[in-house]
PDB file of N, CA and C in Angstrom:
ATOM      1  N   MET A   1     158.753  87.809 104.888  1.00  0.00           N
ATOM      2  CA  MET A   1     159.778  88.273 103.744  1.00  0.00           C
ATOM      3  C   MET A   1     160.518  87.197 103.972  1.00  0.00           C
ATOM      4  N   GLU A   2     161.256  86.747 102.558  1.00  0.00           N
ATOM      5  CA  GLU A   2     162.685  86.183 102.755  1.00  0.00           C
ATOM      6  C   GLU A   2     163.565  86.804 102.144  1.00  0.00           C
ATOM      7  N   MET A   3     164.544  86.833 102.881  1.00  0.00           N
ATOM      8  CA  MET A   3     165.855  87.353 102.394  1.00  0.00           C
ATOM      9  C   MET A   3     166.757  86.316 102.630  1.00  0.00           C
ATOM     10  N   ASP A   4     167.609  85.953 101.297  1.00  0.00           N
ATOM     11  CA  ASP A   4     168.475  85.037 101.178  1.00  0.00           C
ATOM     12  C   ASP A   4     170.032  85.731 101.675  1.00  0.00           C
ATOM     13  N   ASP A   5     170.006  87.042 100.924  1.00  0.00           N
ATOM     14  CA  ASP A   5     171.457  87.629 100.798  1.00  0.00           C
ATOM     15  C   ASP A   5     171.971  88.307 102.434  1.00  0.00           C
ATOM     16  N   PRO A   6     172.650  87.828 103.102  1.00  0.00           N
ATOM     17  CA  PRO A   6     173.305  88.352 104.355  1.00  0.00           C
ATOM     18  C   PRO A   6     173.314  89.988 104.222  1.00  0.00           C
ATOM     19  N   GLU A   7     173.882  90.595 103.226  1.00  0.00           N
ATOM     20  CA  GLU A   7     174.084  92.151 103.243  1.00  0.00           C
ATOM     21  C   GLU A   7     172.734  93.001 103.055  1.00  0.00           C
ATOM     22  N   GLU A   8     171.848  92.107 102.276  1.00  0.00           N
ATOM     23  CA  GLU A   8     170.541  92.477 102.243  1.00  0.00           C
ATOM     24  C   GLU A   8     169.837  92.709 103.426  1.00  0.00           C
ATOM     25  N   GLN A   9     170.005  91.325 104.192  1.00  0.00           N
ATOM     26  CA  GLN A   9     169.228  91.595 105.824  1.00  0.00           C
ATOM     27  C   GLN A   9     169.709  92.555 106.400  1.00  0.00           C
ATOM     28  N   GLN A  10     171.124  92.526 106.478  1.00  0.00           N
ATOM     29  CA  GLN A  10     171.765  93.599 107.294  1.00  0.00           C
ATOM     30  C   GLN A  10     171.567  95.023 107.255  1.00  0.00           C
ATOM     31  N   MET A  11     171.240  95.138 105.760  1.00  0.00           N
ATOM     32  CA  MET A  11     170.389  96.652 105.302  1.00  0.00           C
ATOM     33  C   MET A  11     169.376  96.759 106.052  1.00  0.00           C
ATOM     34  N   PHE A  12     168.341  95.678 105.905  1.00  0.00           N
ATOM     35  CA  PHE A  12     167.532  95.523 106.226  1.00  0.00           C
ATOM     36  C   PHE A  12     167.005  95.637 107.521  1.00  0.00           C
ATOM     37  N   MET A  13     167.771  95.564 108.427  1.00  0.00           N
ATOM     38  CA  MET A  13     167.752  95.377 109.931  1.00  0.00           C
ATOM     39  C   MET A  13     168.336  97.007 110.475  1.00  0.00           C
ATOM     40  N   GLN A  14     169.098  97.521 109.563  1.00  0.00           N
ATOM     41  CA  GLN A  14     169.793  98.660 110.019  1.00  0.00           C
ATOM     42  C   GLN A  14     168.463  99.789 109.795  1.00  0.00           C
ATOM     43  N   GLU A  15     167.756  99.426 108.455  1.00  0.00           N
ATOM     44  CA  GLU A  15     166.807 100.770 108.153  1.00  0.00           C
ATOM     45  C   GLU A  15     165.335 100.563 108.892  1.00  0.00           C
ATOM     46  N   MET A  16     165.601  99.363 109.541  1.00  0.00           N
ATOM     47  CA  MET A  16     164.266  99.044 110.716  1.00  0.00           C
ATOM     48  C   MET A  16     164.565  99.473 112.114  1.00  0.00           C
ATOM     49  N   GLY A  17     166.098  99.833 112.447  1.00  0.00           N
ATOM     50  CA  GLY A  17     166.633 100.058 113.577  1.00  0.00           C
ATOM     51  C   GLY A  17     166.912  99.104 114.764  1.00  0.00           C
ATOM     52  N   LEU A  18     166.698  97.439 113.871  1.00  0.00           N
ATOM     53  CA  LEU A  18     166.945  96.559 114.624  1.00  0.00           C
ATOM     54  C   LEU A  18     168.516  96.164 114.869  1.00  0.00           C
ATOM     55  N   THR A  19     168.753  95.613 116.260  1.00  0.00           N
ATOM     56  CA  THR A  19     170.292  95.115 116.072  1.00  0.00           C
ATOM     57  C   THR A  19     170.468  93.599 116.359  1.00  0.00           C
ATOM     58  N   LYS A  20     168.872  92.999 116.507  1.00  0.00           N
ATOM     59  CA  LYS A  20     168.926  91.368 116.045  1.00  0.00           C
ATOM     60  C   LYS A  20     167.733  91.048 115.603  1.00  0.00           C
ATOM     61  N   THR A  21     168.074  89.596 115.119  1.00  0.00           N
ATOM     62  CA  THR A  21     166.660  89.307 114.255  1.00  0.00           C
ATOM     63  C   THR A  21     165.782  88.611 115.257  1.00  0.00           C
ATOM     64  N   GLY A  22     164.271  88.685 114.688  1.00  0.00           N
ATOM     65  CA  GLY A  22     163.566  88.364 115.566  1.00  0.00           C
ATOM     66  C   GLY A  22     163.603  87.026 116.072  1.00  0.00           C
ATOM     67  N   LEU A  23     164.295  86.031 115.654  1.00  0.00           N
ATOM     68  CA  LEU A  23     164.621  84.934 115.982  1.00  0.00           C
ATOM     69  C   LEU A  23     165.382  84.747 117.036  1.00  0.00           C
ATOM     70  N   ASP A  24     166.705  85.750 117.029  1.00  0.00           N
ATOM     71  CA  ASP A  24     167.339  85.689 118.045  1.00  0.00           C
ATOM     72  C   ASP A  24     167.019  86.609 119.265  1.00  0.00           C
ATOM     73  N   ARG A  25     165.817  87.657 119.058  1.00  0.00           N
ATOM     74  CA  ARG A  25     165.139  88.266 120.306  1.00  0.00           C
ATOM     75  C   ARG A  25     164.020  87.089 120.915  1.00  0.00           C
ATOM     76  N   MET A  26     163.879  86.005 120.090  1.00  0.00           N
ATOM     77  CA  MET A  26     162.553  84.936 120.775  1.00  0.00           C
ATOM     78  C   MET A  26     163.402  84.480 121.597  1.00  0.00           C
ATOM     79  N   ILE A  27     164.670  83.726 121.230  1.00  0.00           N
ATOM     80  CA  ILE A  27     165.735  83.114 121.659  1.00  0.00           C
ATOM     81  C   ILE A  27     166.197  83.725 123.246  1.00  0.00           C
ATOM     82  N   ALA A  28     166.381  84.831 123.149  1.00  0.00           N
ATOM     83  CA  ALA A  28     167.007  85.761 124.478  1.00  0.00           C
ATOM     84  C   ALA A  28     165.843  85.563 125.261  1.00  0.00           C
ATOM     85  N   THR A  29     164.679  86.372 124.709  1.00  0.00           N
ATOM     86  CA  THR A  29     163.293  86.080 126.043  1.00  0.00           C
ATOM     87  C   THR A  29     163.105  84.601 126.341  1.00  0.00           C
ATOM     88  N   GLY A  30     163.211  84.124 125.649  1.00  0.00           N
ATOM     89  CA  GLY A  30     163.337  82.812 126.075  1.00  0.00           C
ATOM     90  C   GLY A  30     163.969  81.954 127.162  1.00  0.00           C
ATOM     91  N   TYR A  31     165.073  82.356 126.870  1.00  0.00           N
ATOM     92  CA  TYR A  31     166.220  81.694 127.771  1.00  0.00           C
ATOM     93  C   TYR A  31     165.799  83.179 129.134  1.00  0.00           C
ATOM     94  N   GLY A  32     165.419  84.036 129.455  1.00  0.00           N
ATOM     95  CA  GLY A  32     165.476  84.929 130.311  1.00  0.00           C
ATOM     96  C   GLY A  32     164.115  84.573 130.921  1.00  0.00           C
ATOM     97  N   LEU A  33     163.330  84.107 130.387  1.00  0.00           N
ATOM     98  CA  LEU A  33     161.735  83.747 131.019  1.00  0.00           C
ATOM     99  C   LEU A  33     162.052  82.541 132.047  1.00  0.00           C
ATOM    100  N   LEU A  34     162.693  81.547 131.339  1.00  0.00           N
ATOM    101  CA  LEU A  34     163.066  80.235 132.002  1.00  0.00           C
ATOM    102  C   LEU A  34     164.244  80.291 132.767  1.00  0.00           C
ATOM    103  N   GLU A  35     164.878  81.491 132.825  1.00  0.00           N
ATOM    104  CA  GLU A  35     166.640  81.593 133.691  1.00  0.00           C
ATOM    105  C   GLU A  35     167.527  80.501 133.438  1.00  0.00           C
ATOM    106  N   LEU A  36     167.543  80.830 131.897  1.00  0.00           N
ATOM    107  CA  LEU A  36     168.880  80.037 131.678  1.00  0.00           C
ATOM    108  C   LEU A  36     169.925  80.667 131.279  1.00  0.00           C
ATOM    109  N   SER A  37     171.074  79.829 131.157  1.00  0.00           N
ATOM    110  CA  SER A  37     172.196  80.748 130.462  1.00  0.00           C
ATOM    111  C   SER A  37     173.121  79.541 129.846  1.00  0.00           C
ATOM    112  N   THR A  38     173.859  80.473 129.122  1.00  0.00           N
ATOM    113  CA  THR A  38     174.883  79.362 127.808  1.00  0.00           C
ATOM    114  C   THR A  38     176.380  79.312 128.499  1.00  0.00           C
ATOM    115  N   TYR A  39     177.058  78.451 128.717  1.00  0.00           N
ATOM    116  CA  TYR A  39     178.589  78.619 128.497  1.00  0.00           C
ATOM    117  C   TYR A  39     179.025  77.323 127.354  1.00  0.00           C
ATOM    118  N   PHE A  40     180.132  77.670 127.098  1.00  0.00           N
ATOM    119  CA  PHE A  40     180.966  76.972 126.223  1.00  0.00           C
ATOM    120  C   PHE A  40     182.169  76.181 126.324  1.00  0.00           C
ATOM    121  N   THR A  41     182.378  75.338 125.474  1.00  0.00           N
ATOM    122  CA  THR A  41     183.418  74.245 125.686  1.00  0.00           C
ATOM    123  C   THR A  41     184.179  74.218 124.308  1.00  0.00           C
ATOM    124  N   ALA A  42     185.471  74.270 124.178  1.00  0.00           N
ATOM    125  CA  ALA A  42     185.999  74.626 122.768  1.00  0.00           C
ATOM    126  C   ALA A  42     187.352  73.824 123.071  1.00  0.00           C
ATOM    127  N   GLY A  43     187.422  73.373 122.175  1.00  0.00           N
ATOM    128  CA  GLY A  43     188.786  72.214 121.751  1.00  0.00           C
ATOM    129  C   GLY A  43     189.389  72.327 120.494  1.00  0.00           C
ATOM    130  N   GLU A  44     190.118  71.616 119.980  1.00  0.00           N
ATOM    131  CA  GLU A  44     190.846  71.157 118.594  1.00  0.00           C
ATOM    132  C   GLU A  44     189.398  70.762 117.534  1.00  0.00           C
ATOM    133  N   LYS A  45     188.890  69.636 118.291  1.00  0.00           N
ATOM    134  CA  LYS A  45     187.741  68.952 117.180  1.00  0.00           C
ATOM    135  C   LYS A  45     186.260  69.749 117.269  1.00  0.00           C
ATOM    136  N   GLU A  46     185.787  70.443 118.194  1.00  0.00           N
ATOM    137  CA  GLU A  46     184.472  70.706 118.603  1.00  0.00           C
ATOM    138  C   GLU A  46     184.626  72.056 119.355  1.00  0.00           C
ATOM    139  N   THR A  47     183.709  72.869 119.261  1.00  0.00           N
ATOM    140  CA  THR A  47     183.072  73.866 120.192  1.00  0.00           C
ATOM    141  C   THR A  47     181.860  73.678 120.461  1.00  0.00           C
ATOM    142  N   ARG A  48     181.257  74.041 121.511  1.00  0.00           N
ATOM    143  CA  ARG A  48     179.685  73.789 121.788  1.00  0.00           C
ATOM    144  C   ARG A  48     179.500  74.389 122.562  1.00  0.00           C
ATOM    145  N   ALA A  49     178.122  74.698 122.817  1.00  0.00           N
ATOM    146  CA  ALA A  49     177.107  75.602 123.913  1.00  0.00           C
ATOM    147  C   ALA A  49     176.650  74.589 124.609  1.00  0.00           C
ATOM    148  N   TRP A  50     176.184  74.996 125.792  1.00  0.00           N
ATOM    149  CA  TRP A  50     175.690  74.325 126.810  1.00  0.00           C
ATOM    150  C   TRP A  50     174.676  74.981 127.414  1.00  0.00           C
ATOM    151  N   THR A  51     173.328  74.403 127.562  1.00  0.00           N
ATOM    152  CA  THR A  51     172.319  75.180 128.590  1.00  0.00           C
ATOM    153  C   THR A  51     172.295  74.978 129.632  1.00  0.00           C
ATOM    154  N   ILE A  52     172.642  75.713 130.838  1.00  0.00           N
ATOM    155  CA  ILE A  52     172.255  75.590 132.364  1.00  0.00           C
ATOM    156  C   ILE A  52     171.263  76.398 132.958  1.00  0.00           C
ATOM    157  N   PRO A  53     170.967  76.191 134.140  1.00  0.00           N
ATOM    158  CA  PRO A  53     170.054  77.182 134.945  1.00  0.00           C
ATOM    159  C   PRO A  53     171.160  78.358 135.115  1.00  0.00           C
ATOM    160  N   LYS A  54     170.542  79.602 135.320  1.00  0.00           N
ATOM    161  CA  LYS A  54     171.023  80.816 135.477  1.00  0.00           C
ATOM    162  C   LYS A  54     171.536  80.704 137.020  1.00  0.00           C
ATOM    163  N   ASN A  55     173.037  80.932 137.521  1.00  0.00           N
ATOM    164  CA  ASN A  55     173.401  80.813 139.055  1.00  0.00           C
ATOM    165  C   ASN A  55     173.910  79.600 138.960  1.00  0.00           C
ATOM    166  N   SER A  56     174.346  78.978 138.079  1.00  0.00           N
ATOM    167  CA  SER A  56     174.786  77.315 138.328  1.00  0.00           C
ATOM    168  C   SER A  56     176.146  77.221 138.704  1.00  0.00           C
ATOM    169  N   LYS A  57     176.508  76.688 139.702  1.00  0.00           N
ATOM    170  CA  LYS A  57     177.970  76.538 139.978  1.00  0.00           C
ATOM    171  C   LYS A  57     178.673  75.485 139.167  1.00  0.00           C
ATOM    172  N   ALA A  58     179.926  76.205 138.836  1.00  0.00           N
ATOM    173  CA  ALA A  58     180.882  75.164 137.845  1.00  0.00           C
ATOM    174  C   ALA A  58     180.557  73.637 137.879  1.00  0.00           C
ATOM    175  N   PRO A  59     180.543  72.779 139.110  1.00  0.00           N
ATOM    176  CA  PRO A  59     180.317  71.459 139.018  1.00  0.00           C
ATOM    177  C   PRO A  59     178.935  71.011 138.369  1.00  0.00           C
ATOM    178  N   GLN A  60     178.178  71.925 138.664  1.00  0.00           N
ATOM    179  CA  GLN A  60     176.845  71.362 138.032  1.00  0.00           C
ATOM    180  C   GLN A  60     176.851  71.597 136.567  1.00  0.00           C
ATOM    181  N   ALA A  61     177.482  72.947 136.033  1.00  0.00           N
ATOM    182  CA  ALA A  61     177.683  73.272 134.982  1.00  0.00           C
ATOM    183  C   ALA A  61     178.527  71.990 134.237  1.00  0.00           C
ATOM    184  N   ALA A  62     179.321  71.678 134.951  1.00  0.00           N
ATOM    185  CA  ALA A  62     180.295  70.427 134.469  1.00  0.00           C
ATOM    186  C   ALA A  62     179.245  69.337 134.038  1.00  0.00           C
ATOM    187  N   GLY A  63     178.674  69.072 134.873  1.00  0.00           N
ATOM    188  CA  GLY A  63     177.301  67.837 134.834  1.00  0.00           C
ATOM    189  C   GLY A  63     176.517  67.912 133.563  1.00  0.00           C
ATOM    190  N   ALA A  64     176.208  69.139 133.031  1.00  0.00           N
ATOM    191  CA  ALA A  64     175.601  69.235 132.089  1.00  0.00           C
ATOM    192  C   ALA A  64     176.254  68.631 131.042  1.00  0.00           C
ATOM    193  N   ILE A  65     177.647  68.073 131.077  1.00  0.00           N
ATOM    194  CA  ILE A  65     178.412  67.341 129.955  1.00  0.00           C
ATOM    195  C   ILE A  65     178.453  65.939 130.230  1.00  0.00           C
ATOM    196  N   HIS A  66     178.580  65.558 131.573  1.00  0.00           N
ATOM    197  CA  HIS A  66     178.493  64.380 132.190  1.00  0.00           C
ATOM    198  C   HIS A  66     178.531  63.846 133.530  1.00  0.00           C
ATOM    199  N   SER A  67     177.759  63.192 134.122  1.00  0.00           N
ATOM    200  CA  SER A  67     177.587  63.361 135.687  1.00  0.00           C
ATOM    201  C   SER A  67     179.096  63.153 136.126  1.00  0.00           C
ATOM    202  N   ASP A  68     179.923  62.368 135.116  1.00  0.00           N
ATOM    203  CA  ASP A  68     181.271  62.300 136.205  1.00  0.00           C
ATOM    204  C   ASP A  68     182.078  63.303 136.366  1.00  0.00           C
ATOM    205  N   PHE A  69     182.013  64.756 135.327  1.00  0.00           N
ATOM    206  CA  PHE A  69     182.873  65.686 135.372  1.00  0.00           C
ATOM    207  C   PHE A  69     181.980  66.410 136.732  1.00  0.00           C
ATOM    208  N   GLU A  70     180.920  66.138 137.321  1.00  0.00           N
ATOM    209  CA  GLU A  70     180.292  66.943 138.343  1.00  0.00           C
ATOM    210  C   GLU A  70     180.909  66.297 139.887  1.00  0.00           C
ATOM    211  N   LYS A  71     180.948  64.836 139.438  1.00  0.00           N
ATOM    212  CA  LYS A  71     181.301  64.145 140.793  1.00  0.00           C
ATOM    213  C   LYS A  71     182.723  64.288 140.988  1.00  0.00           C
ATOM    214  N   GLY A  72     183.497  64.480 140.012  1.00  0.00           N
ATOM    215  CA  GLY A  72     185.312  64.364 140.155  1.00  0.00           C
ATOM    216  C   GLY A  72     185.463  65.784 140.032  1.00  0.00           C
ATOM    217  N   PHE A  73     184.374  66.560 139.700  1.00  0.00           N
ATOM    218  CA  PHE A  73     185.177  68.106 139.486  1.00  0.00           C
ATOM    219  C   PHE A  73     186.240  68.580 140.412  1.00  0.00           C
ATOM    220  N   ILE A  74     187.608  69.026 139.908  1.00  0.00           N
ATOM    221  CA  ILE A  74     188.232  69.486 140.471  1.00  0.00           C
ATOM    222  C   ILE A  74     188.276  71.124 140.285  1.00  0.00           C
ATOM    223  N   ARG A  75     188.480  71.846 139.142  1.00  0.00           N
ATOM    224  CA  ARG A  75     188.747  73.162 138.904  1.00  0.00           C
ATOM    225  C   ARG A  75     188.105  73.251 137.723  1.00  0.00           C
ATOM    226  N   ALA A  76     187.818  74.695 137.270  1.00  0.00           N
ATOM    227  CA  ALA A  76     187.359  74.939 135.924  1.00  0.00           C
ATOM    228  C   ALA A  76     188.598  75.742 135.191  1.00  0.00           C
ATOM    229  N   GLU A  77     189.076  76.056 134.334  1.00  0.00           N
ATOM    230  CA  GLU A  77     189.679  77.403 133.566  1.00  0.00           C
ATOM    231  C   GLU A  77     188.752  77.927 132.849  1.00  0.00           C
ATOM    232  N   VAL A  78     188.948  79.248 132.883  1.00  0.00           N
ATOM    233  CA  VAL A  78     187.749  80.105 132.584  1.00  0.00           C
ATOM    234  C   VAL A  78     188.480  81.316 131.851  1.00  0.00           C
ATOM    235  N   TYR A  79     187.439  81.720 130.624  1.00  0.00           N
ATOM    236  CA  TYR A  79     187.953  82.946 129.933  1.00  0.00           C
ATOM    237  C   TYR A  79     186.648  83.401 129.088  1.00  0.00           C
ATOM    238  N   CYS A  80     186.739  84.460 129.011  1.00  0.00           N
ATOM    239  CA  CYS A  80     185.375  85.204 128.433  1.00  0.00           C
ATOM    240  C   CYS A  80     185.321  85.589 126.908  1.00  0.00           C
ATOM    241  N   LEU A  81     184.383  85.656 126.052  1.00  0.00           N
ATOM    242  CA  LEU A  81     184.541  85.863 124.712  1.00  0.00           C
ATOM    243  C   LEU A  81     185.015  87.071 123.998  1.00  0.00           C
ATOM    244  N   GLU A  82     184.911  88.271 125.304  1.00  0.00           N
ATOM    245  CA  GLU A  82     185.972  89.387 124.696  1.00  0.00           C
ATOM    246  C   GLU A  82     187.263  89.007 124.493  1.00  0.00           C
ATOM    247  N   ASP A  83     187.857  88.580 125.492  1.00  0.00           N
ATOM    248  CA  ASP A  83     188.914  88.173 126.116  1.00  0.00           C
ATOM    249  C   ASP A  83     189.724  87.306 124.672  1.00  0.00           C
ATOM    250  N   LEU A  84     188.780  86.729 124.133  1.00  0.00           N
ATOM    251  CA  LEU A  84     188.953  85.411 123.046  1.00  0.00           C
ATOM    252  C   LEU A  84     189.352  86.325 121.551  1.00  0.00           C
ATOM    253  N   LYS A  85     188.218  87.177 121.840  1.00  0.00           N
ATOM    254  CA  LYS A  85     188.227  88.511 120.638  1.00  0.00           C
ATOM    255  C   LYS A  85     189.597  89.316 120.504  1.00  0.00           C
ATOM    256  N   LYS A  86     189.835  89.762 121.797  1.00  0.00           N
ATOM    257  CA  LYS A  86     191.137  90.795 121.855  1.00  0.00           C
ATOM    258  C   LYS A  86     192.424  90.116 121.790  1.00  0.00           C
ATOM    259  N   TYR A  87     192.469  88.868 122.354  1.00  0.00           N
ATOM    260  CA  TYR A  87     193.988  87.991 122.317  1.00  0.00           C
ATOM    261  C   TYR A  87     194.115  86.989 121.199  1.00  0.00           C
ATOM    262  N   LYS A  88     192.301  86.761 120.366  1.00  0.00           N
ATOM    263  CA  LYS A  88     192.774  85.586 119.423  1.00  0.00           C
ATOM    264  C   LYS A  88     192.418  84.168 119.851  1.00  0.00           C
ATOM    265  N   THR A  89     193.716  83.638 120.517  1.00  0.00           N
ATOM    266  CA  THR A  89     193.917  82.203 120.813  1.00  0.00           C
ATOM    267  C   THR A  89     193.679  82.596 122.361  1.00  0.00           C
ATOM    268  N   GLU A  90     193.861  80.755 122.805  1.00  0.00           N
ATOM    269  CA  GLU A  90     193.631  80.735 124.227  1.00  0.00           C
ATOM    270  C   GLU A  90     195.079  80.906 124.839  1.00  0.00           C
ATOM    271  N   ALA A  91     195.997  80.498 123.931  1.00  0.00           N
ATOM    272  CA  ALA A  91     197.289  80.785 124.322  1.00  0.00           C
ATOM    273  C   ALA A  91     197.688  82.374 124.748  1.00  0.00           C
ATOM    274  N   GLY A  92     197.206  83.468 123.721  1.00  0.00           N
ATOM    275  CA  GLY A  92     197.224  84.531 123.762  1.00  0.00           C
ATOM    276  C   GLY A  92     196.530  85.149 125.362  1.00  0.00           C
ATOM    277  N   ILE A  93     195.449  84.451 125.546  1.00  0.00           N
ATOM    278  CA  ILE A  93     194.606  84.704 126.988  1.00  0.00           C
ATOM    279  C   ILE A  93     195.343  84.417 127.991  1.00  0.00           C
ATOM    280  N   LYS A  94     196.494  83.260 127.908  1.00  0.00           N
ATOM    281  CA  LYS A  94     196.954  82.498 128.874  1.00  0.00           C
ATOM    282  C   LYS A  94     198.223  83.454 129.246  1.00  0.00           C
ATOM    283  N   GLU A  95     198.759  84.045 127.941  1.00  0.00           N
ATOM    284  CA  GLU A  95     199.970  85.149 128.091  1.00  0.00           C
ATOM    285  C   GLU A  95     199.674  86.418 128.671  1.00  0.00           C
ATOM    286  N   ALA A  96     198.216  87.004 128.472  1.00  0.00           N
ATOM    287  CA  ALA A  96     198.081  88.007 129.111  1.00  0.00           C
ATOM    288  C   ALA A  96     197.352  88.026 130.473  1.00  0.00           C
ATOM    289  N   GLY A  97     197.259  86.696 131.149  1.00  0.00           N
ATOM    290  CA  GLY A  97     196.746  86.515 132.367  1.00  0.00           C
ATOM    291  C   GLY A  97     195.323  86.745 132.527  1.00  0.00           C
ATOM    292  N   LYS A  98     194.674  86.275 131.658  1.00  0.00           N
ATOM    293  CA  LYS A  98     193.478  86.183 131.304  1.00  0.00           C
ATOM    294  C   LYS A  98     192.381  85.161 131.803  1.00  0.00           C
ATOM    295  N   LEU A  99     193.267  84.155 131.964  1.00  0.00           N
ATOM    296  CA  LEU A  99     192.846  82.575 131.926  1.00  0.00           C
ATOM    297  C   LEU A  99     192.694  82.663 133.683  1.00  0.00           C
ATOM    298  N   ARG A 100     191.558  82.484 134.270  1.00  0.00           N
ATOM    299  CA  ARG A 100     191.151  82.199 135.624  1.00  0.00           C
ATOM    300  C   ARG A 100     190.908  80.587 135.948  1.00  0.00           C
ATOM    301  N   ILE A 101     191.247  80.530 136.866  1.00  0.00           N
ATOM    302  CA  ILE A 101     191.435  79.218 137.736  1.00  0.00           C
ATOM    303  C   ILE A 101     190.317  79.396 138.614  1.00  0.00           C
ATOM    304  N   GLU A 102     188.920  78.599 138.278  1.00  0.00           N
ATOM    305  CA  GLU A 102     187.730  78.639 139.507  1.00  0.00           C
ATOM    306  C   GLU A 102     187.593  77.495 140.212  1.00  0.00           C
ATOM    307  N   GLY A 103     187.167  77.749 141.523  1.00  0.00           N
ATOM    308  CA  GLY A 103     186.608  76.333 142.290  1.00  0.00           C
ATOM    309  C   GLY A 103     185.274  75.917 142.202  1.00  0.00           C
ATOM    310  N   LYS A 104     184.964  75.423 142.891  1.00  0.00           N
ATOM    311  CA  LYS A 104     183.749  74.865 143.084  1.00  0.00           C
ATOM    312  C   LYS A 104     182.254  75.654 143.549  1.00  0.00           C
ATOM    313  N   GLU A 105     182.808  76.742 143.990  1.00  0.00           N
ATOM    314  CA  GLU A 105     181.566  77.933 143.890  1.00  0.00           C
ATOM    315  C   GLU A 105     181.613  78.759 143.142  1.00  0.00           C
ATOM    316  N   TYR A 106     182.004  78.591 142.074  1.00  0.00           N
ATOM    317  CA  TYR A 106     182.267  79.702 141.076  1.00  0.00           C
ATOM    318  C   TYR A 106     180.830  79.868 140.597  1.00  0.00           C
ATOM    319  N   ILE A 107     180.408  80.806 140.505  1.00  0.00           N
ATOM    320  CA  ILE A 107     179.074  80.743 139.452  1.00  0.00           C
ATOM    321  C   ILE A 107     179.293  81.308 137.790  1.00  0.00           C
ATOM    322  N   VAL A 108     178.931  80.345 137.189  1.00  0.00           N
ATOM    323  CA  VAL A 108     178.849  80.171 135.874  1.00  0.00           C
ATOM    324  C   VAL A 108     178.312  81.719 135.188  1.00  0.00           C
ATOM    325  N   GLN A 109     179.165  82.349 134.579  1.00  0.00           N
ATOM    326  CA  GLN A 109     178.562  83.733 133.869  1.00  0.00           C
ATOM    327  C   GLN A 109     178.048  83.077 132.302  1.00  0.00           C
ATOM    328  N   ASP A 110     176.733  83.913 131.921  1.00  0.00           N
ATOM    329  CA  ASP A 110     176.414  83.435 130.630  1.00  0.00           C
ATOM    330  C   ASP A 110     177.758  83.823 129.635  1.00  0.00           C
ATOM    331  N   GLY A 111     178.015  82.767 128.529  1.00  0.00           N
ATOM    332  CA  GLY A 111     179.112  83.458 127.719  1.00  0.00           C
ATOM    333  C   GLY A 111     180.306  82.843 128.397  1.00  0.00           C
ATOM    334  N   ASP A 112     180.740  82.343 129.292  1.00  0.00           N
ATOM    335  CA  ASP A 112     181.865  81.527 129.985  1.00  0.00           C
ATOM    336  C   ASP A 112     182.279  80.671 128.691  1.00  0.00           C
ATOM    337  N   ILE A 113     183.770  80.729 128.568  1.00  0.00           N
ATOM    338  CA  ILE A 113     184.117  79.526 128.002  1.00  0.00           C
ATOM    339  C   ILE A 113     185.140  78.906 128.839  1.00  0.00           C
ATOM    340  N   MET A 114     184.529  77.550 129.182  1.00  0.00           N
ATOM    341  CA  MET A 114     185.303  76.910 130.024  1.00  0.00           C
ATOM    342  C   MET A 114     186.103  75.401 129.574  1.00  0.00           C
ATOM    343  N   HIS A 115     186.967  74.875 130.465  1.00  0.00           N
ATOM    344  CA  HIS A 115     187.646  73.611 130.681  1.00  0.00           C
ATOM    345  C   HIS A 115     187.446  73.153 132.073  1.00  0.00           C
ATOM    346  N   PHE A 116     187.113  71.694 132.272  1.00  0.00           N
ATOM    347  CA  PHE A 116     186.816  71.444 133.313  1.00  0.00           C
ATOM    348  C   PHE A 116     188.211  70.452 133.648  1.00  0.00           C
ATOM    349  N   ARG A 117     188.550  70.382 134.867  1.00  0.00           N
ATOM    350  CA  ARG A 117     189.365  69.351 135.124  1.00  0.00           C
ATOM    351  C   ARG A 117     188.629  68.225 136.592  1.00  0.00           C
ATOM    352  N   PHE A 118     188.676  67.076 136.255  1.00  0.00           N
ATOM    353  CA  PHE A 118     188.011  66.317 136.950  1.00  0.00           C
ATOM    354  C   PHE A 118     188.806  64.877 137.433  1.00  0.00           C
ATOM    355  N   ASN A 119     188.243  64.545 138.534  1.00  0.00           N
ATOM    356  CA  ASN A 119     189.072  62.955 138.608  1.00  0.00           C
ATOM    357  C   ASN A 119     187.971  62.278 138.849  1.00  0.00           C
ATOM    358  N   VAL A 120     187.998  60.938 138.500  1.00  0.00           N
ATOM    359  CA  VAL A 120     186.871  59.948 138.950  1.00  0.00           C
ATOM    360  C   VAL A 120     187.314  58.916 138.974  1.00  0.00           C
TER     361      VAL A 120
END
């Protein structure tokens, strides 16, 4: 069944007692079975999702972007999506004291938003 209208899709899902589409459920199940997680990088020009193995440390997550990021890893600036929703901007997150500085042993959490500091 094909529904192009987002409102119609939402109404159908509510009537069926669904909170996620079949595709969303399939992706989440696949990530779970493969033991993968996702973190994000966000800048003025681009926001991107990166897939990494669950329980990856920050340097390995940085290596998903480029091997030089992993080799020269210094630290990661980290915040979560819930804080972005609440404080609206990265500046708001910083003002609220919610931006965390994490080191080489930090285990990346699914949904983290990260900026890497490195030196090569």
